Amino acid sequence: MTSFILASGSPRRRELLGQLGLSFDVQAADLDESVHGGERPAQYVERLAREKASAVHSKRPGSIVLAADTSVVVDDAILGKPGADASEGAAMLRRLSGRSHQVMTGVAVAGSSVESIVVTSDVVFRALSEAEIAWYVSTGEGRDKAGGYGSQALAGVFISEIRGSATSVIGLPLAESVELLRRAGVRLPWEP
């Protein structure tokens, strides 16, 4: 059987795939994730997903590799990960407060070829108070997450609506990813 590799260090992506009962190895790709000049957000996430999948596949030929990249986009600008910078995390949350933004996830599967897709979901935040923003930033939860928040945990209290794939907002659109894996030859748990 062909080996299946998740090219991501994200525990959220591992958990989403693991819940399906898929067996896979994990091998994160180490790439420069800078945005290229003039690159639109959807082009950016798709390019990174394709580059990550291809980089890991080149080290493990014959395998099937799934990679993804997620960005939070507001006013056509990509919000990165704030890291330990509490003021940057708070600024991101202020920018998202009381409005809609997009979460774009590029997914690529490399096997005999590379196939990719971009899934865009709209997320609506209710208006946030300064106290809520300070509390959330102090938890540290959003430091390593695009846009400075994680929808599947504490920041879920800020989200009033998601239009599109809820799993894409977490980091991996399952319906689309499973279809790419099926077409690449990964045997899914419900198949004979």
Foldseek 3Di string as FASTA:
>chain_A
DAAEEEQDPDPLVVVVVVVQVADHHYHHADDPLDDDPPDFPQNSFQVVQQVSQVVVCVVVARHKYKYKDKFKADPRDTFAAQALPLVSLLVLCQSQAQAKTKMKMKMWIDHVHIDIDIWIKIWHFYHDDSVRSNVLSVVVQQRHPHSSDACVPDCVVGTPDMGGAPSVSNPDRVVVNVVNCVVNPRDGPPDD
